[in-house]
Amino acid sequence: MKFTRRRLVLSGVVVLAVAWFGYLTTLVATEPEPGADSAEQLRGELAVALNERDAAGLADLLDYPQADRENFAQSYVEDLGDAGVHDVRVVLRGEVAVVEAELRDGAPFSYALAVKESAGRWLAGFSPPVP
């Protein structure tokens, strides 16, 4: 078999395509599932993400449709910043995480998030918990 320039270029393209496909497959396979290992870890990571306005960190903790998770988290942390929210604390009460914080003017506010375990991962839902 004679190596021509055309065969060499074609072989190079095929090798690059296979390598790229393998790389993408490895990235997808090693991407961690959203959520935390325990309810307590979820509480801590949720508090950090909200205090630091970490949209990516928040998105990783949400029980939210995957296609919209990152956009929702980004919008949410921007709204927290616009409202001047600070000193965020998260307290677990059974299957509810209560987020407590202060606004720019010092007024306190709080809200509850549903917390659930799914496939060994703990997630926070930004929908009202069922009493």
N, C-alpha and C. Protein backbone atom coordinates (compact mmCIF):
# COMPACT_ATOMS: atom_id res chain seq x y z
N MET A 1 0.84 -1.17 0.00
CA MET A 1 0.00 0.00 0.00
C MET A 1 0.89 1.24 0.00
N LYS A 2 0.64 2.06 -0.92
CA LYS A 2 1.45 3.25 -1.09
C LYS A 2 0.80 4.41 -0.33
N PHE A 3 1.60 5.12 0.46
CA PHE A 3 1.10 6.27 1.19
C PHE A 3 1.18 7.51 0.32
N THR A 4 0.04 7.98 -0.05
CA THR A 4 -0.02 9.22 -0.81
C THR A 4 -0.40 10.34 0.15
N ARG A 5 -0.24 11.51 -0.31
CA ARG A 5 -0.59 12.67 0.51
C ARG A 5 -2.08 12.64 0.89
N ARG A 6 -2.90 12.25 -0.06
CA ARG A 6 -4.34 12.19 0.18
C ARG A 6 -4.67 11.17 1.27
N ARG A 7 -4.08 9.99 1.19
CA ARG A 7 -4.33 8.95 2.20
C ARG A 7 -3.82 9.39 3.57
N LEU A 8 -2.69 10.06 3.60
CA LEU A 8 -2.13 10.52 4.86
C LEU A 8 -3.04 11.56 5.51
N VAL A 9 -3.53 12.51 4.72
CA VAL A 9 -4.45 13.54 5.24
C VAL A 9 -5.75 12.89 5.70
N LEU A 10 -6.29 11.99 4.92
CA LEU A 10 -7.52 11.30 5.28
C LEU A 10 -7.33 10.50 6.56
N SER A 11 -6.21 9.81 6.70
CA SER A 11 -5.93 9.05 7.92
C SER A 11 -5.83 9.98 9.12
N GLY A 12 -5.20 11.12 8.94
CA GLY A 12 -5.08 12.10 10.02
C GLY A 12 -6.44 12.62 10.46
N VAL A 13 -7.31 12.89 9.50
CA VAL A 13 -8.65 13.38 9.81
C VAL A 13 -9.43 12.31 10.58
N VAL A 14 -9.33 11.08 10.16
CA VAL A 14 -10.04 9.99 10.84
C VAL A 14 -9.52 9.83 12.27
N VAL A 15 -8.21 9.87 12.45
CA VAL A 15 -7.63 9.74 13.79
C VAL A 15 -8.09 10.90 14.68
N LEU A 16 -8.09 12.12 14.16
CA LEU A 16 -8.55 13.27 14.93
C LEU A 16 -10.03 13.15 15.29
N ALA A 17 -10.84 12.68 14.36
CA ALA A 17 -12.27 12.52 14.62
C ALA A 17 -12.51 11.48 15.71
N VAL A 18 -11.81 10.38 15.65
CA VAL A 18 -11.95 9.33 16.67
C VAL A 18 -11.48 9.85 18.03
N ALA A 19 -10.37 10.57 18.04
CA ALA A 19 -9.85 11.12 19.30
C ALA A 19 -10.84 12.13 19.88
N TRP A 20 -11.42 12.99 19.04
CA TRP A 20 -12.38 13.99 19.51
C TRP A 20 -13.63 13.31 20.07
N PHE A 21 -14.12 12.30 19.38
CA PHE A 21 -15.29 11.56 19.85
C PHE A 21 -14.99 10.89 21.19
N GLY A 22 -13.81 10.31 21.33
CA GLY A 22 -13.41 9.68 22.59
C GLY A 22 -13.31 10.68 23.72
N TYR A 23 -12.77 11.85 23.42
CA TYR A 23 -12.65 12.91 24.42
C TYR A 23 -14.03 13.35 24.90
N LEU A 24 -14.96 13.60 23.97
CA LEU A 24 -16.31 14.02 24.34
C LEU A 24 -17.03 12.95 25.15
N THR A 25 -16.86 11.71 24.76
CA THR A 25 -17.49 10.60 25.48
C THR A 25 -16.96 10.53 26.91
N THR A 26 -15.65 10.71 27.08
CA THR A 26 -15.05 10.69 28.41
C THR A 26 -15.55 11.85 29.26
N LEU A 27 -15.68 13.02 28.66
CA LEU A 27 -16.19 14.19 29.39
C LEU A 27 -17.60 13.94 29.90
N VAL A 28 -18.46 13.43 29.05
CA VAL A 28 -19.84 13.17 29.43
C VAL A 28 -19.92 12.07 30.49
N ALA A 29 -19.13 11.04 30.34
CA ALA A 29 -19.18 9.91 31.27
C ALA A 29 -18.65 10.27 32.65
N THR A 30 -17.72 11.21 32.73
CA THR A 30 -17.12 11.55 34.02
C THR A 30 -17.76 12.77 34.67
N GLU A 31 -18.72 13.40 34.01
CA GLU A 31 -19.39 14.56 34.59
C GLU A 31 -20.22 14.10 35.79
N PRO A 32 -20.02 14.75 36.94
CA PRO A 32 -20.76 14.31 38.13
C PRO A 32 -22.25 14.59 38.00
N GLU A 33 -23.03 13.75 38.64
CA GLU A 33 -24.48 13.94 38.69
C GLU A 33 -24.77 15.18 39.53
N PRO A 34 -25.83 15.90 39.23
CA PRO A 34 -26.16 17.05 40.07
C PRO A 34 -26.57 16.60 41.47
N GLY A 35 -26.40 17.50 42.42
CA GLY A 35 -26.79 17.20 43.79
C GLY A 35 -25.60 17.02 44.70
N ALA A 36 -25.88 16.69 45.94
CA ALA A 36 -24.86 16.49 46.96
C ALA A 36 -24.98 15.07 47.51
N ASP A 37 -23.93 14.62 48.18
CA ASP A 37 -23.91 13.26 48.72
C ASP A 37 -24.83 13.07 49.92
N SER A 38 -25.13 14.16 50.64
CA SER A 38 -25.99 14.07 51.82
C SER A 38 -26.80 15.35 51.95
N ALA A 39 -27.82 15.30 52.78
CA ALA A 39 -28.64 16.49 53.00
C ALA A 39 -27.80 17.59 53.65
N GLU A 40 -26.92 17.22 54.56
CA GLU A 40 -26.07 18.21 55.23
C GLU A 40 -25.08 18.85 54.25
N GLN A 41 -24.53 18.05 53.36
CA GLN A 41 -23.64 18.61 52.34
C GLN A 41 -24.42 19.54 51.41
N LEU A 42 -25.64 19.17 51.07
CA LEU A 42 -26.49 20.04 50.25
C LEU A 42 -26.72 21.37 50.95
N ARG A 43 -27.02 21.33 52.24
CA ARG A 43 -27.24 22.54 53.01
C ARG A 43 -26.01 23.46 52.93
N GLY A 44 -24.84 22.91 53.17
CA GLY A 44 -23.62 23.70 53.15
C GLY A 44 -23.30 24.27 51.77
N GLU A 45 -23.41 23.43 50.74
CA GLU A 45 -23.10 23.88 49.39
C GLU A 45 -24.11 24.90 48.89
N LEU A 46 -25.35 24.75 49.30
CA LEU A 46 -26.39 25.70 48.91
C LEU A 46 -26.11 27.07 49.55
N ALA A 47 -25.73 27.08 50.81
CA ALA A 47 -25.41 28.33 51.49
C ALA A 47 -24.22 29.02 50.83
N VAL A 48 -23.19 28.26 50.50
CA VAL A 48 -22.02 28.84 49.85
C VAL A 48 -22.37 29.39 48.48
N ALA A 49 -23.11 28.63 47.69
CA ALA A 49 -23.47 29.07 46.33
C ALA A 49 -24.30 30.35 46.38
N LEU A 50 -25.24 30.44 47.31
CA LEU A 50 -26.08 31.64 47.40
C LEU A 50 -25.30 32.84 47.93
N ASN A 51 -24.44 32.63 48.91
CA ASN A 51 -23.64 33.73 49.45
C ASN A 51 -22.63 34.26 48.44
N GLU A 52 -22.04 33.36 47.67
CA GLU A 52 -21.00 33.75 46.72
C GLU A 52 -21.54 34.06 45.33
N ARG A 53 -22.85 33.97 45.16
CA ARG A 53 -23.49 34.21 43.86
C ARG A 53 -22.88 33.30 42.79
N ASP A 54 -22.67 32.05 43.18
CA ASP A 54 -22.06 31.04 42.31
C ASP A 54 -23.15 30.32 41.53
N ALA A 55 -23.43 30.80 40.32
CA ALA A 55 -24.51 30.22 39.51
C ALA A 55 -24.22 28.77 39.15
N ALA A 56 -22.98 28.46 38.80
CA ALA A 56 -22.64 27.08 38.43
C ALA A 56 -22.80 26.15 39.63
N GLY A 57 -22.36 26.61 40.80
CA GLY A 57 -22.51 25.81 42.01
C GLY A 57 -23.97 25.59 42.37
N LEU A 58 -24.78 26.64 42.20
CA LEU A 58 -26.21 26.51 42.47
C LEU A 58 -26.87 25.56 41.47
N ALA A 59 -26.52 25.68 40.21
CA ALA A 59 -27.11 24.83 39.17
C ALA A 59 -26.85 23.35 39.46
N ASP A 60 -25.68 23.05 40.03
CA ASP A 60 -25.35 21.65 40.35
C ASP A 60 -26.17 21.07 41.49
N LEU A 61 -26.92 21.91 42.19
CA LEU A 61 -27.69 21.45 43.35
C LEU A 61 -29.18 21.41 43.11
N LEU A 62 -29.61 21.81 41.93
CA LEU A 62 -31.03 22.00 41.67
C LEU A 62 -31.75 20.78 41.12
N ASP A 63 -32.94 20.57 41.64
CA ASP A 63 -33.87 19.60 41.05
C ASP A 63 -34.70 20.41 40.06
N TYR A 64 -34.16 20.58 38.90
CA TYR A 64 -34.71 21.48 37.89
C TYR A 64 -34.39 20.86 36.54
N PRO A 65 -35.21 21.06 35.53
CA PRO A 65 -34.90 20.46 34.22
C PRO A 65 -33.50 20.85 33.75
N GLN A 66 -32.75 19.86 33.32
CA GLN A 66 -31.36 20.07 32.96
C GLN A 66 -31.18 21.16 31.90
N ALA A 67 -32.07 21.23 30.95
CA ALA A 67 -31.94 22.21 29.86
C ALA A 67 -32.03 23.64 30.38
N ASP A 68 -32.74 23.86 31.48
CA ASP A 68 -32.96 25.21 32.00
C ASP A 68 -32.19 25.50 33.28
N ARG A 69 -31.50 24.51 33.82
CA ARG A 69 -30.87 24.63 35.13
C ARG A 69 -29.86 25.78 35.21
N GLU A 70 -28.96 25.88 34.25
CA GLU A 70 -27.93 26.91 34.30
C GLU A 70 -28.51 28.31 34.12
N ASN A 71 -29.46 28.46 33.21
CA ASN A 71 -30.08 29.79 33.01
C ASN A 71 -30.86 30.22 34.25
N PHE A 72 -31.59 29.29 34.86
CA PHE A 72 -32.34 29.61 36.07
C PHE A 72 -31.38 30.04 37.18
N ALA A 73 -30.32 29.27 37.39
CA ALA A 73 -29.37 29.58 38.46
C ALA A 73 -28.72 30.94 38.22
N GLN A 74 -28.33 31.23 36.99
CA GLN A 74 -27.70 32.52 36.68
C GLN A 74 -28.67 33.67 36.97
N SER A 75 -29.89 33.53 36.53
CA SER A 75 -30.90 34.56 36.76
C SER A 75 -31.16 34.73 38.25
N TYR A 76 -31.20 33.63 38.98
CA TYR A 76 -31.50 33.67 40.40
C TYR A 76 -30.41 34.41 41.18
N VAL A 77 -29.13 34.08 40.92
CA VAL A 77 -28.07 34.76 41.66
C VAL A 77 -27.96 36.23 41.27
N GLU A 78 -28.30 36.56 40.04
CA GLU A 78 -28.34 37.98 39.64
C GLU A 78 -29.43 38.72 40.41
N ASP A 79 -30.58 38.08 40.57
CA ASP A 79 -31.67 38.69 41.35
C ASP A 79 -31.27 38.88 42.81
N LEU A 80 -30.55 37.92 43.37
CA LEU A 80 -30.07 38.06 44.75
C LEU A 80 -29.15 39.27 44.87
N GLY A 81 -28.25 39.42 43.91
CA GLY A 81 -27.34 40.55 43.91
C GLY A 81 -28.07 41.87 43.76
N ASP A 82 -29.05 41.92 42.86
CA ASP A 82 -29.84 43.15 42.65
C ASP A 82 -30.60 43.55 43.92
N ALA A 83 -31.04 42.57 44.69
CA ALA A 83 -31.80 42.84 45.91
C ALA A 83 -30.89 43.13 47.10
N GLY A 84 -29.58 42.97 46.90
CA GLY A 84 -28.63 43.22 47.99
C GLY A 84 -28.68 42.18 49.09
N VAL A 85 -29.02 40.97 48.73
CA VAL A 85 -29.12 39.89 49.71
C VAL A 85 -27.72 39.54 50.23
N HIS A 86 -27.64 39.38 51.57
CA HIS A 86 -26.36 39.01 52.18
C HIS A 86 -26.61 38.15 53.42
N ASP A 87 -25.56 37.59 53.94
CA ASP A 87 -25.63 36.74 55.14
C ASP A 87 -26.64 35.61 54.99
N VAL A 88 -26.54 34.88 53.89
CA VAL A 88 -27.46 33.77 53.64
C VAL A 88 -27.11 32.59 54.53
N ARG A 89 -28.12 32.03 55.17
CA ARG A 89 -27.99 30.83 55.98
C ARG A 89 -29.02 29.82 55.49
N VAL A 90 -28.68 28.56 55.59
CA VAL A 90 -29.62 27.51 55.19
C VAL A 90 -29.75 26.54 56.36
N VAL A 91 -30.99 26.28 56.74
CA VAL A 91 -31.29 25.38 57.85
C VAL A 91 -32.15 24.24 57.32
N LEU A 92 -31.78 23.01 57.67
CA LEU A 92 -32.58 21.85 57.25
C LEU A 92 -33.64 21.56 58.31
N ARG A 93 -34.85 21.34 57.83
CA ARG A 93 -35.96 20.95 58.69
C ARG A 93 -36.70 19.82 58.00
N GLY A 94 -36.22 18.61 58.22
CA GLY A 94 -36.82 17.46 57.54
C GLY A 94 -36.55 17.51 56.05
N GLU A 95 -37.61 17.50 55.27
CA GLU A 95 -37.48 17.53 53.81
C GLU A 95 -37.60 18.94 53.26
N VAL A 96 -37.26 19.92 54.10
CA VAL A 96 -37.32 21.32 53.71
C VAL A 96 -36.00 21.99 54.10
N ALA A 97 -35.49 22.82 53.20
CA ALA A 97 -34.35 23.67 53.51
C ALA A 97 -34.88 25.10 53.60
N VAL A 98 -34.70 25.72 54.74
CA VAL A 98 -35.16 27.09 54.93
C VAL A 98 -33.97 28.02 54.70
N VAL A 99 -34.11 28.89 53.71
CA VAL A 99 -33.08 29.86 53.38
C VAL A 99 -33.44 31.16 54.10
N GLU A 100 -32.51 31.64 54.93
CA GLU A 100 -32.72 32.87 55.68
C GLU A 100 -31.60 33.83 55.29
N ALA A 101 -31.94 35.11 55.13
CA ALA A 101 -30.94 36.10 54.74
C ALA A 101 -31.44 37.49 55.10
N GLU A 102 -30.63 38.48 54.77
CA GLU A 102 -31.01 39.87 54.97
C GLU A 102 -30.92 40.61 53.64
N LEU A 103 -31.80 41.58 53.50
CA LEU A 103 -31.76 42.44 52.33
C LEU A 103 -30.79 43.59 52.57
N ARG A 104 -30.57 44.37 51.56
CA ARG A 104 -29.65 45.51 51.61
C ARG A 104 -29.95 46.43 52.80
N ASP A 105 -31.24 46.66 53.07
CA ASP A 105 -31.63 47.57 54.15
C ASP A 105 -31.65 46.90 55.52
N GLY A 106 -31.23 45.63 55.60
CA GLY A 106 -31.18 44.91 56.87
C GLY A 106 -32.44 44.13 57.20
N ALA A 107 -33.47 44.26 56.38
CA ALA A 107 -34.71 43.53 56.63
C ALA A 107 -34.49 42.04 56.39
N PRO A 108 -34.95 41.21 57.31
CA PRO A 108 -34.78 39.76 57.14
C PRO A 108 -35.82 39.20 56.17
N PHE A 109 -35.47 38.11 55.53
CA PHE A 109 -36.46 37.38 54.74
C PHE A 109 -36.06 35.91 54.73
N SER A 110 -37.03 35.06 54.44
CA SER A 110 -36.75 33.63 54.37
C SER A 110 -37.75 32.97 53.44
N TYR A 111 -37.38 31.80 52.96
CA TYR A 111 -38.27 30.99 52.15
C TYR A 111 -37.83 29.54 52.27
N ALA A 112 -38.74 28.66 51.94
CA ALA A 112 -38.46 27.23 52.07
C ALA A 112 -38.30 26.59 50.69
N LEU A 113 -37.38 25.65 50.63
CA LEU A 113 -37.16 24.87 49.41
C LEU A 113 -37.39 23.40 49.74
N ALA A 114 -38.02 22.71 48.83
CA ALA A 114 -38.17 21.26 48.99
C ALA A 114 -36.80 20.62 48.80
N VAL A 115 -36.50 19.63 49.62
CA VAL A 115 -35.25 18.88 49.52
C VAL A 115 -35.62 17.43 49.28
N LYS A 116 -34.94 16.82 48.32
CA LYS A 116 -35.26 15.41 48.07
C LYS A 116 -34.01 14.63 47.72
N GLU A 117 -34.10 13.34 47.96
CA GLU A 117 -33.02 12.43 47.62
C GLU A 117 -33.46 11.65 46.39
N SER A 118 -32.58 11.59 45.40
CA SER A 118 -32.88 10.86 44.17
C SER A 118 -31.63 10.15 43.70
N ALA A 119 -31.69 8.84 43.62
CA ALA A 119 -30.57 8.02 43.16
C ALA A 119 -29.31 8.30 43.97
N GLY A 120 -29.47 8.48 45.28
CA GLY A 120 -28.32 8.69 46.14
C GLY A 120 -27.79 10.11 46.16
N ARG A 121 -28.43 11.03 45.47
CA ARG A 121 -28.01 12.43 45.42
C ARG A 121 -29.10 13.31 46.02
N TRP A 122 -28.71 14.32 46.76
CA TRP A 122 -29.65 15.25 47.39
C TRP A 122 -29.74 16.52 46.57
N LEU A 123 -30.97 16.96 46.30
CA LEU A 123 -31.24 18.12 45.45
C LEU A 123 -32.20 19.10 46.12
N ALA A 124 -32.09 20.36 45.75
CA ALA A 124 -33.01 21.40 46.24
C ALA A 124 -33.94 21.76 45.12
N GLY A 125 -35.23 21.86 45.44
CA GLY A 125 -36.22 22.23 44.45
C GLY A 125 -36.72 23.64 44.68
N PHE A 126 -36.69 24.46 43.66
CA PHE A 126 -37.19 25.82 43.79
C PHE A 126 -38.66 25.89 43.49
N SER A 127 -39.39 25.01 44.14
CA SER A 127 -40.85 25.04 44.09
C SER A 127 -41.31 24.88 45.53
N PRO A 128 -42.46 25.40 45.88
CA PRO A 128 -42.90 25.31 47.28
C PRO A 128 -42.99 23.86 47.73
N PRO A 129 -42.49 23.58 48.93
CA PRO A 129 -42.60 22.21 49.44
C PRO A 129 -44.05 21.90 49.79
N VAL A 130 -44.40 20.65 49.64
CA VAL A 130 -45.75 20.21 49.98
C VAL A 130 -45.80 20.01 51.50
N PRO A 131 -46.79 20.63 52.18
CA PRO A 131 -46.84 20.51 53.66
C PRO A 131 -47.14 19.09 54.10
